[in-house]
Each structure stands twice: as structure tokens, then as C-alpha cells.
């Protein structure tokens, strides 16, 4: 049972990204990209190789049952314009662990006086608004960090893609193309 002094997870309707940033509170965007095959497959991008030394790839893009698939998941800090990418299965536990990892490795140093955390998410898949495991894992994170966590959909102008920032991080880190 929670008492009033415990950190909480709330839907963010009365708070906004600018108000969090004005108070030097972290605002992050999280996103999952499509599943990718693991293995030596042809990629439709440009890769420069020495002449006469093409990269050998599998003839067909069938899943290698031993290697399986991965799901790129990213955490992007809007104010710091930085992010991190991890890969695993698309689960709420992994999603919150990626946030926890970001907070432990970067967030604590960037926001030493943080008491709140705003998470913007597209609300699909593992971080869906109706996914109980997502909510429970976020509550566990709030309890462990002492942060009050607010979750919302991205505040973007109409016609923009919610994954633009995350896609840029994937390109910078050499992750799969969105």
C-alpha cells in the first residue's frame, strides 16, 4: 500500500515538457523500432568497401533460429540532445530497465537535483498505456529512484514523426536504420 510520501507514476495531463525543462527536470523520449534479424544479411544502405572486396551476405533473409531477432529500444534526452540504444526482446521490463540504465549512467549526473521525470512514449507495444507490466515497472523505478514519474505521448507539431530524434540516435550509434 502506498502512502502520500511515496513517489508515484502519473499520466501527464497537467504538466508539460517546457515546464519540466524550465525546472531542470529530465524529459526523455522512449521508442522501440521494428524487429531486426541477427546475422550477416544484406542491408539496403551504402557501405564503402575496398574495390573488389564485397561484403559476403546470406543469399536469403530467412531468420537464423540460433541467432533470432532483436528489438532496438532507445532513450533520448531532449534537453541534452543525447541518447542510448539497447537491443533485446520487446518487453516492458526491458523498456523500464533501459530508462533505469540511462538514469544511472547519465541522468543522475545531468540532473543531480531531479525530483521528477517526464517520459514521452508513443504508447505502443511494451510501453502502452494499458500495459499493466509497464505501469508496475515504472512504479518500481519511481520507488527505487525517489522520482515522481509522469508519462505522456510526445508533444509534437502535427505532421512530424515521434521517432525522429530516436532515429537520429540510431544512425549516430550505427544501429539499424528505422
Protein backbone atom coordinates (compact mmCIF):
# COMPACT_ATOMS: atom_id res chain seq x y z
CA UNK A 1 0.00 0.00 0.00
CA UNK A 2 1.36 3.42 -0.94
CA UNK A 3 1.29 6.44 1.33
CA UNK A 4 1.31 10.09 0.25
CA UNK A 5 5.09 10.43 0.75
CA UNK A 6 5.96 7.72 -1.77
CA UNK A 7 6.98 8.55 -5.36
CA UNK A 8 4.29 7.97 -7.93
CA UNK A 9 3.70 7.42 -11.60
CA UNK A 10 1.08 9.70 -13.10
CA UNK A 11 -0.37 10.32 -16.54
CA UNK A 12 0.86 13.73 -17.61
CA UNK A 13 -2.05 15.99 -18.41
CA UNK A 14 -1.30 18.99 -16.19
CA UNK A 15 2.45 19.10 -16.76
CA UNK A 16 4.34 19.83 -19.93
CA UNK A 17 7.79 19.31 -21.35
CA UNK A 18 8.70 23.03 -21.18
CA UNK A 19 7.71 23.27 -17.51
CA UNK A 20 9.87 20.24 -16.65
CA UNK A 21 12.83 21.62 -18.60
CA UNK A 22 12.44 25.09 -17.04
CA UNK A 23 12.86 23.47 -13.63
CA UNK A 24 15.89 21.39 -14.83
CA UNK A 25 13.92 18.17 -14.51
CA UNK A 26 14.71 15.39 -17.01
CA UNK A 27 12.46 14.83 -20.02
CA UNK A 28 13.15 11.72 -22.06
CA UNK A 29 11.57 10.13 -25.08
CA UNK A 30 11.48 6.35 -25.40
CA UNK A 31 10.79 4.33 -28.52
CA UNK A 32 11.01 0.84 -29.92
CA UNK A 33 11.87 0.17 -33.56
CA UNK A 34 10.94 -2.79 -35.72
CA UNK A 35 12.39 -6.21 -35.07
CA UNK A 36 15.64 -6.90 -36.89
CA UNK A 37 17.14 -10.21 -37.94
CA UNK A 38 20.51 -11.03 -36.40
CA UNK A 39 23.09 -12.29 -38.85
CA UNK A 40 25.00 -11.44 -41.97
CA UNK A 41 22.11 -10.12 -44.07
CA UNK A 42 22.03 -7.68 -46.96
CA UNK A 43 21.31 -4.11 -45.85
CA UNK A 44 19.88 -1.66 -48.36
CA UNK A 45 22.21 1.15 -47.25
CA UNK A 46 25.54 2.37 -48.57
CA UNK A 47 28.70 0.82 -47.22
CA UNK A 48 32.05 1.75 -48.73
CA UNK A 49 34.41 -1.19 -49.12
CA UNK A 50 37.72 -1.56 -50.91
CA UNK A 51 37.24 -2.25 -54.61
CA UNK A 52 37.00 -5.96 -55.36
CA UNK A 53 36.24 -6.85 -51.70
CA UNK A 54 32.45 -7.02 -51.43
CA UNK A 55 30.89 -7.97 -48.12
CA UNK A 56 29.54 -11.51 -48.35
CA UNK A 57 25.99 -11.91 -47.07
CA UNK A 58 23.40 -14.64 -46.81
CA UNK A 59 21.55 -15.33 -50.04
CA UNK A 60 18.09 -15.18 -48.40
CA UNK A 61 16.85 -13.13 -45.45
CA UNK A 62 15.35 -16.04 -43.52
CA UNK A 63 15.57 -15.90 -39.74
CA UNK A 64 18.53 -17.79 -38.28
CA UNK A 65 16.84 -19.75 -35.47
CA UNK A 66 20.07 -19.80 -33.43
CA UNK A 67 20.52 -16.02 -33.56
CA UNK A 68 16.86 -14.93 -33.71
CA UNK A 69 15.78 -11.29 -33.79
CA UNK A 70 16.46 -8.18 -31.73
CA UNK A 71 14.36 -5.14 -30.94
CA UNK A 72 16.20 -1.78 -30.78
CA UNK A 73 14.95 0.33 -27.89
CA UNK A 74 16.14 3.86 -27.26
CA UNK A 75 16.10 6.51 -24.58
CA UNK A 76 16.57 10.08 -25.82
CA UNK A 77 17.20 13.08 -23.52
CA UNK A 78 15.50 16.09 -25.12
CA UNK A 79 17.48 18.79 -23.28
CA UNK A 80 20.90 17.14 -23.59
CA UNK A 81 20.23 16.03 -27.19
CA UNK A 82 21.76 12.64 -26.46
CA UNK A 83 20.54 9.11 -26.23
CA UNK A 84 21.33 5.47 -25.87
CA UNK A 85 20.20 2.36 -27.69
CA UNK A 86 19.87 -1.18 -26.39
CA UNK A 87 18.61 -4.33 -28.03
CA UNK A 88 16.59 -7.23 -26.62
CA UNK A 89 13.04 -8.51 -26.71
CA UNK A 90 10.17 -6.01 -26.69
CA UNK A 91 9.07 -6.19 -23.05
CA UNK A 92 8.01 -3.61 -20.50
CA UNK A 93 10.71 -4.89 -18.14
CA UNK A 94 13.41 -4.20 -20.71
CA UNK A 95 11.92 -0.81 -21.56
CA UNK A 96 11.98 0.36 -17.95
CA UNK A 97 15.42 -1.18 -17.44
CA UNK A 98 16.67 0.93 -20.38
CA UNK A 99 15.29 4.03 -18.62
CA UNK A 100 16.86 2.92 -15.33
CA UNK A 101 20.19 2.37 -17.07
CA UNK A 102 20.03 5.83 -18.69
CA UNK A 103 19.22 7.44 -15.34
CA UNK A 104 22.04 5.62 -13.52
CA UNK A 105 24.66 6.25 -16.23
CA UNK A 106 23.71 9.76 -17.42
CA UNK A 107 20.60 11.18 -15.78
CA UNK A 108 21.91 11.40 -12.20
CA UNK A 109 24.93 13.42 -13.37
CA UNK A 110 22.97 15.64 -15.77
CA UNK A 111 20.12 16.29 -13.32
CA UNK A 112 21.56 15.99 -9.77
CA UNK A 113 18.57 17.75 -8.16
CA UNK A 114 15.89 15.91 -10.12
CA UNK A 115 12.77 15.04 -8.20
CA UNK A 116 10.59 14.32 -11.25
CA UNK A 117 10.99 12.54 -14.58
CA UNK A 118 8.86 13.12 -17.69
CA UNK A 119 8.72 10.20 -20.11
CA UNK A 120 7.20 10.68 -23.55
CA UNK A 121 6.30 7.45 -25.30
CA UNK A 122 4.25 6.54 -28.34
CA UNK A 123 2.18 4.24 -26.09
CA UNK A 124 2.50 1.22 -28.36
CA UNK A 125 3.93 -2.21 -27.68
CA UNK A 126 5.76 -2.62 -24.39
CA UNK A 127 5.13 0.95 -23.23
CA UNK A 128 1.42 1.02 -23.95
CA UNK A 129 -0.90 2.99 -21.68
CA UNK A 130 -2.89 -0.18 -20.94
CA UNK A 131 0.07 -2.48 -20.30
CA UNK A 132 -0.01 -3.30 -16.59
CA UNK A 133 3.58 -4.53 -16.56
CA UNK A 134 4.78 -1.15 -17.96
CA UNK A 135 2.95 0.69 -15.17
CA UNK A 136 4.20 -1.68 -12.47
CA UNK A 137 7.80 -1.46 -13.69
CA UNK A 138 7.59 2.35 -13.81
CA UNK A 139 6.24 2.35 -10.25
CA UNK A 140 9.18 0.15 -9.17
CA UNK A 141 11.55 2.63 -10.85
CA UNK A 142 9.85 5.53 -9.04
CA UNK A 143 10.19 3.68 -5.73
CA UNK A 144 13.88 2.90 -6.35
CA UNK A 145 14.90 6.38 -7.52
CA UNK A 146 12.58 8.55 -5.42
CA UNK A 147 11.41 10.31 -8.61
CA UNK A 148 7.83 11.21 -9.36
CA UNK A 149 7.39 9.90 -12.90
CA UNK A 150 4.97 11.39 -15.41
CA UNK A 151 4.26 9.62 -18.69
CA UNK A 152 2.70 11.16 -21.79
CA UNK A 153 2.54 10.98 -25.55
CA UNK A 154 5.07 13.19 -27.35
CA UNK A 155 4.21 16.87 -27.71
CA UNK A 156 4.98 17.34 -31.38
CA UNK A 157 3.75 19.66 -34.09
CA UNK A 158 1.31 17.97 -36.45
CA UNK A 159 2.96 16.20 -39.36
CA UNK A 160 6.15 15.27 -37.51
CA UNK A 161 7.28 11.76 -36.65
CA UNK A 162 7.62 10.86 -32.97
CA UNK A 163 10.68 8.77 -33.71
CA UNK A 164 12.76 11.44 -35.47
CA UNK A 165 15.13 12.04 -32.54
CA UNK A 166 15.45 8.33 -31.80
CA UNK A 167 16.10 7.58 -35.47
CA UNK A 168 18.94 10.11 -35.45
CA UNK A 169 20.47 8.42 -32.38
CA UNK A 170 20.24 5.03 -34.12
CA UNK A 171 22.10 6.45 -37.12
CA UNK A 172 24.80 8.01 -34.90
CA UNK A 173 25.36 4.79 -32.95
CA UNK A 174 25.33 2.55 -36.01
CA UNK A 175 22.09 0.87 -35.01
CA UNK A 176 19.59 -0.45 -37.52
CA UNK A 177 18.05 2.08 -39.85
CA UNK A 178 14.45 2.99 -38.89
